[in-house]
Amino acid sequence: VNDDKVVSKYVKAKEAPRVGGHSVAKQSIPVATEQMNGIIKEFLTLLAGHQKRAKECSSPSQTKPKSLFLVGIKQSINAIKAGTVKLILLAPNTEALEVLDEKIEGLLMEAEQRNIPICYCLNKRKLGKAALLSMKQSVVSILDADEAHDLYRQITHFIRPNGYERL
């Protein structure tokens, strides 16, 4: 194997804007700016704090508190099909694996059919950390943004400057 070929392929791969293995250009999904990443991080942290406090305050005899967001591809797809998702946040550094690509493509198609705003933001580690989780997350689906409506409006306006907001 020629080392120069390997090195040049590596350099080209590092320089190319990497947004998972899925076709971003086809989907025309916006990639968050640094400022927007800060807003999204604040938004997720606020929702995660509210969700955590709601779970801590509820007693076993009460009904389970309403989830404000879900994490993970499979849960997100199920929530999209159920019609409960209002916003999808994707990490741009998802692995380029065939199985994952198919699932994410399915998620993107379902979201597009239902006109759900989608944005590439942060990265897997920061997405998980902003949601106050100890694990990396590829997808966070927002179910209810009432606790941080102003931040939600800023995010959806960034994603769809001329589009409508779904809440």
C-alpha atoms as a PDB file:
ATOM      1  CA  VAL A   1       0.000   0.000   0.000  1.00  0.00           C
ATOM      2  CA  ASN A   2       1.320   3.382  -0.980  1.00  0.00           C
ATOM      3  CA  ASP A   3       1.644   5.554   2.147  1.00  0.00           C
ATOM      4  CA  ASP A   4       1.203   8.773   0.158  1.00  0.00           C
ATOM      5  CA  LYS A   5      -2.231   7.645  -1.037  1.00  0.00           C
ATOM      6  CA  VAL A   6      -3.309   6.784   2.499  1.00  0.00           C
ATOM      7  CA  VAL A   7      -2.036  10.101   3.874  1.00  0.00           C
ATOM      8  CA  SER A   8      -3.706  12.144   1.104  1.00  0.00           C
ATOM      9  CA  LYS A   9      -7.025  10.324   1.642  1.00  0.00           C
ATOM     10  CA  TYR A  10      -6.749  11.001   5.371  1.00  0.00           C
ATOM     11  CA  VAL A  11      -6.011  14.691   4.823  1.00  0.00           C
ATOM     12  CA  LYS A  12      -8.927  15.042   2.381  1.00  0.00           C
ATOM     13  CA  ALA A  13     -11.249  13.281   4.830  1.00  0.00           C
ATOM     14  CA  LYS A  14     -10.152  15.560   7.673  1.00  0.00           C
ATOM     15  CA  GLU A  15     -10.672  18.706   5.566  1.00  0.00           C
ATOM     16  CA  ALA A  16     -14.104  17.753   4.237  1.00  0.00           C
ATOM     17  CA  PRO A  17     -17.077  18.979   6.285  1.00  0.00           C
ATOM     18  CA  ARG A  18     -18.121  15.816   8.068  1.00  0.00           C
ATOM     19  CA  VAL A  19     -21.744  15.421   8.953  1.00  0.00           C
ATOM     20  CA  GLY A  20     -22.190  11.725   9.497  1.00  0.00           C
ATOM     21  CA  GLY A  21     -22.490   9.338   6.605  1.00  0.00           C
ATOM     22  CA  HIS A  22     -25.912  10.559   5.596  1.00  0.00           C
ATOM     23  CA  SER A  23     -26.498  12.876   2.680  1.00  0.00           C
ATOM     24  CA  VAL A  24     -26.730  16.323   4.233  1.00  0.00           C
ATOM     25  CA  ALA A  25     -26.717  18.203   0.951  1.00  0.00           C
ATOM     26  CA  LYS A  26     -29.770  16.274  -0.176  1.00  0.00           C
ATOM     27  CA  GLN A  27     -31.574  17.008   3.064  1.00  0.00           C
ATOM     28  CA  SER A  28     -30.441  20.668   3.250  1.00  0.00           C
ATOM     29  CA  ILE A  29     -30.329  20.555   7.029  1.00  0.00           C
ATOM     30  CA  PRO A  30     -28.781  23.623   8.644  1.00  0.00           C
ATOM     31  CA  VAL A  31     -25.585  23.282  10.670  1.00  0.00           C
ATOM     32  CA  ALA A  32     -25.588  25.432  13.799  1.00  0.00           C
ATOM     33  CA  THR A  33     -23.149  28.304  14.157  1.00  0.00           C
ATOM     34  CA  GLU A  34     -21.077  28.720  17.331  1.00  0.00           C
ATOM     35  CA  GLN A  35     -23.617  31.227  18.656  1.00  0.00           C
ATOM     36  CA  MET A  36     -26.507  28.875  17.876  1.00  0.00           C
ATOM     37  CA  ASN A  37     -24.631  25.971  19.486  1.00  0.00           C
ATOM     38  CA  GLY A  38     -24.501  28.053  22.686  1.00  0.00           C
ATOM     39  CA  ILE A  39     -28.252  28.683  22.529  1.00  0.00           C
ATOM     40  CA  ILE A  40     -28.955  24.986  21.874  1.00  0.00           C
ATOM     41  CA  LYS A  41     -26.694  23.960  24.763  1.00  0.00           C
ATOM     42  CA  GLU A  42     -28.499  26.372  27.118  1.00  0.00           C
ATOM     43  CA  PHE A  43     -31.881  25.143  25.814  1.00  0.00           C
ATOM     44  CA  LEU A  44     -31.070  21.463  26.374  1.00  0.00           C
ATOM     45  CA  THR A  45     -29.558  22.074  29.804  1.00  0.00           C
ATOM     46  CA  LEU A  46     -32.652  24.012  30.863  1.00  0.00           C
ATOM     47  CA  LEU A  47     -35.009  21.273  29.639  1.00  0.00           C
ATOM     48  CA  ALA A  48     -32.872  18.557  31.251  1.00  0.00           C
ATOM     49  CA  GLY A  49     -32.904  20.420  34.571  1.00  0.00           C
ATOM     50  CA  HIS A  50     -36.700  20.781  34.463  1.00  0.00           C
ATOM     51  CA  GLN A  51     -37.112  17.123  33.525  1.00  0.00           C
ATOM     52  CA  LYS A  52     -34.767  15.993  36.317  1.00  0.00           C
ATOM     53  CA  ARG A  53     -36.536  18.135  38.952  1.00  0.00           C
ATOM     54  CA  ALA A  54     -39.955  16.877  37.821  1.00  0.00           C
ATOM     55  CA  LYS A  55     -38.835  13.269  38.246  1.00  0.00           C
ATOM     56  CA  GLU A  56     -37.327  13.969  41.683  1.00  0.00           C
ATOM     57  CA  CYS A  57     -40.442  15.774  42.935  1.00  0.00           C
ATOM     58  CA  SER A  58     -42.971  13.177  41.826  1.00  0.00           C
ATOM     59  CA  SER A  59     -43.997  10.530  44.317  1.00  0.00           C
ATOM     60  CA  PRO A  60     -44.449   6.864  43.356  1.00  0.00           C
ATOM     61  CA  SER A  61     -48.241   7.187  43.635  1.00  0.00           C
ATOM     62  CA  GLN A  62     -48.342  10.026  41.097  1.00  0.00           C
ATOM     63  CA  THR A  63     -48.315   9.512  37.372  1.00  0.00           C
ATOM     64  CA  LYS A  64     -44.977   9.635  35.612  1.00  0.00           C
ATOM     65  CA  PRO A  65     -43.943  13.225  34.778  1.00  0.00           C
ATOM     66  CA  LYS A  66     -44.105  14.241  31.130  1.00  0.00           C
ATOM     67  CA  SER A  67     -40.816  13.861  29.240  1.00  0.00           C
ATOM     68  CA  LEU A  68     -39.530  17.045  27.658  1.00  0.00           C
ATOM     69  CA  PHE A  69     -37.051  15.289  25.358  1.00  0.00           C
ATOM     70  CA  LEU A  70     -35.874  11.859  24.255  1.00  0.00           C
ATOM     71  CA  VAL A  71     -32.422  10.659  23.268  1.00  0.00           C
ATOM     72  CA  GLY A  72     -31.436   8.008  20.763  1.00  0.00           C
ATOM     73  CA  ILE A  73     -32.336   7.139  17.210  1.00  0.00           C
ATOM     74  CA  LYS A  74     -34.878   4.394  17.887  1.00  0.00           C
ATOM     75  CA  GLN A  75     -36.821   6.353  20.528  1.00  0.00           C
ATOM     76  CA  SER A  76     -36.785   9.410  18.280  1.00  0.00           C
ATOM     77  CA  ILE A  77     -38.191   7.486  15.305  1.00  0.00           C
ATOM     78  CA  ASN A  78     -40.981   6.067  17.475  1.00  0.00           C
ATOM     79  CA  ALA A  79     -41.821   9.517  18.870  1.00  0.00           C
ATOM     80  CA  ILE A  80     -41.839  11.027  15.364  1.00  0.00           C
ATOM     81  CA  LYS A  81     -44.262   8.349  14.204  1.00  0.00           C
ATOM     82  CA  ALA A  82     -46.422   9.044  17.263  1.00  0.00           C
ATOM     83  CA  GLY A  83     -46.470  12.732  16.329  1.00  0.00           C
ATOM     84  CA  THR A  84     -44.983  14.052  19.586  1.00  0.00           C
ATOM     85  CA  VAL A  85     -41.644  15.465  18.358  1.00  0.00           C
ATOM     86  CA  LYS A  86     -41.343  19.230  17.861  1.00  0.00           C
ATOM     87  CA  LEU A  87     -37.613  19.548  17.073  1.00  0.00           C
ATOM     88  CA  ILE A  88     -34.721  17.195  16.258  1.00  0.00           C
ATOM     89  CA  LEU A  89     -31.117  17.949  17.145  1.00  0.00           C
ATOM     90  CA  LEU A  90     -28.478  15.776  15.451  1.00  0.00           C
ATOM     91  CA  ALA A  91     -24.780  15.523  16.199  1.00  0.00           C
ATOM     92  CA  PRO A  92     -22.724  16.085  13.049  1.00  0.00           C
ATOM     93  CA  ASN A  93     -20.044  13.602  14.126  1.00  0.00           C
ATOM     94  CA  THR A  94     -22.113  10.421  13.989  1.00  0.00           C
ATOM     95  CA  GLU A  95     -20.226   7.376  12.792  1.00  0.00           C
ATOM     96  CA  ALA A  96     -20.484   6.537   9.118  1.00  0.00           C
ATOM     97  CA  LEU A  97     -21.773   2.993   9.571  1.00  0.00           C
ATOM     98  CA  GLU A  98     -24.223   1.474   7.119  1.00  0.00           C
ATOM     99  CA  VAL A  99     -26.700   0.403   9.817  1.00  0.00           C
ATOM    100  CA  LEU A 100     -26.629   3.806  11.523  1.00  0.00           C
ATOM    101  CA  ASP A 101     -26.892   5.620   8.195  1.00  0.00           C
ATOM    102  CA  GLU A 102     -30.039   3.681   7.321  1.00  0.00           C
ATOM    103  CA  LYS A 103     -31.617   4.472  10.693  1.00  0.00           C
ATOM    104  CA  ILE A 104     -30.711   8.152  10.506  1.00  0.00           C
ATOM    105  CA  GLU A 105     -31.947   8.366   6.902  1.00  0.00           C
ATOM    106  CA  GLY A 106     -35.218   6.810   8.108  1.00  0.00           C
ATOM    107  CA  LEU A 107     -35.409   9.325  10.929  1.00  0.00           C
ATOM    108  CA  LEU A 108     -34.739  12.227   8.540  1.00  0.00           C
ATOM    109  CA  MET A 109     -37.371  11.001   6.081  1.00  0.00           C
ATOM    110  CA  GLU A 110     -40.005  10.603   8.811  1.00  0.00           C
ATOM    111  CA  ALA A 111     -39.213  14.064  10.189  1.00  0.00           C
ATOM    112  CA  GLU A 112     -39.309  15.660   6.747  1.00  0.00           C
ATOM    113  CA  GLN A 113     -42.694  14.066   5.983  1.00  0.00           C
ATOM    114  CA  ARG A 114     -44.074  15.528   9.204  1.00  0.00           C
ATOM    115  CA  ASN A 115     -42.382  18.919   8.674  1.00  0.00           C
ATOM    116  CA  ILE A 116     -40.352  18.705  11.898  1.00  0.00           C
ATOM    117  CA  PRO A 117     -37.409  21.140  12.122  1.00  0.00           C
ATOM    118  CA  ILE A 118     -33.974  19.453  12.170  1.00  0.00           C
ATOM    119  CA  CYS A 119     -30.568  20.934  12.952  1.00  0.00           C
ATOM    120  CA  TYR A 120     -27.006  19.620  13.123  1.00  0.00           C
ATOM    121  CA  CYS A 121     -25.455  21.011  16.287  1.00  0.00           C
ATOM    122  CA  LEU A 122     -22.740  20.540  18.897  1.00  0.00           C
ATOM    123  CA  ASN A 123     -21.237  17.046  18.727  1.00  0.00           C
ATOM    124  CA  LYS A 124     -22.129  13.704  20.303  1.00  0.00           C
ATOM    125  CA  ARG A 125     -20.271  14.375  23.549  1.00  0.00           C
ATOM    126  CA  LYS A 126     -21.587  17.935  23.947  1.00  0.00           C
ATOM    127  CA  LEU A 127     -25.137  16.902  23.016  1.00  0.00           C
ATOM    128  CA  GLY A 128     -25.138  14.281  25.787  1.00  0.00           C
ATOM    129  CA  LYS A 129     -23.514  16.643  28.266  1.00  0.00           C
ATOM    130  CA  ALA A 130     -26.004  19.450  27.516  1.00  0.00           C
ATOM    131  CA  ALA A 131     -28.831  16.976  28.176  1.00  0.00           C
ATOM    132  CA  LEU A 132     -27.162  16.235  31.553  1.00  0.00           C
ATOM    133  CA  LEU A 133     -26.355  12.667  30.521  1.00  0.00           C
ATOM    134  CA  SER A 134     -23.095  10.818  30.993  1.00  0.00           C
ATOM    135  CA  MET A 135     -23.258   9.178  27.549  1.00  0.00           C
ATOM    136  CA  LYS A 136     -22.651  10.564  24.077  1.00  0.00           C
ATOM    137  CA  GLN A 137     -25.840  11.109  22.077  1.00  0.00           C
ATOM    138  CA  SER A 138     -26.339  11.241  18.319  1.00  0.00           C
ATOM    139  CA  VAL A 139     -29.940  12.453  18.394  1.00  0.00           C
ATOM    140  CA  VAL A 140     -32.040  14.461  20.839  1.00  0.00           C
ATOM    141  CA  SER A 141     -35.736  14.878  20.074  1.00  0.00           C
ATOM    142  CA  ILE A 142     -37.591  17.702  21.783  1.00  0.00           C
ATOM    143  CA  LEU A 143     -41.128  16.773  22.802  1.00  0.00           C
ATOM    144  CA  ASP A 144     -42.141  19.818  24.812  1.00  0.00           C
ATOM    145  CA  ALA A 145     -40.368  23.167  24.898  1.00  0.00           C
ATOM    146  CA  ASP A 146     -42.788  25.097  27.125  1.00  0.00           C
ATOM    147  CA  GLU A 147     -40.146  25.461  29.835  1.00  0.00           C
ATOM    148  CA  ALA A 148     -37.797  27.258  27.398  1.00  0.00           C
ATOM    149  CA  HIS A 149     -40.098  28.650  24.741  1.00  0.00           C
ATOM    150  CA  ASP A 150     -37.978  31.726  23.910  1.00  0.00           C
ATOM    151  CA  LEU A 151     -34.896  29.600  23.232  1.00  0.00           C
ATOM    152  CA  TYR A 152     -37.020  27.173  21.206  1.00  0.00           C
ATOM    153  CA  ARG A 153     -38.257  30.059  19.037  1.00  0.00           C
ATOM    154  CA  GLN A 154     -34.687  31.246  18.439  1.00  0.00           C
ATOM    155  CA  ILE A 155     -33.623  27.751  17.372  1.00  0.00           C
ATOM    156  CA  THR A 156     -36.590  27.183  15.059  1.00  0.00           C
ATOM    157  CA  HIS A 157     -36.139  30.641  13.549  1.00  0.00           C
ATOM    158  CA  PHE A 158     -32.502  29.752  12.792  1.00  0.00           C
ATOM    159  CA  ILE A 159     -33.587  26.469  11.172  1.00  0.00           C
ATOM    160  CA  ARG A 160     -36.493  27.998   9.250  1.00  0.00           C
ATOM    161  CA  PRO A 161     -36.122  31.765   8.993  1.00  0.00           C
ATOM    162  CA  ASN A 162     -39.282  32.030   6.873  1.00  0.00           C
ATOM    163  CA  GLY A 163     -41.020  28.860   8.009  1.00  0.00           C
ATOM    164  CA  TYR A 164     -43.562  28.186  10.674  1.00  0.00           C
ATOM    165  CA  GLU A 165     -42.889  26.982  14.192  1.00  0.00           C
ATOM    166  CA  ARG A 166     -44.501  23.857  15.510  1.00  0.00           C
ATOM    167  CA  LEU A 167     -45.217  23.838  19.241  1.00  0.00           C
END
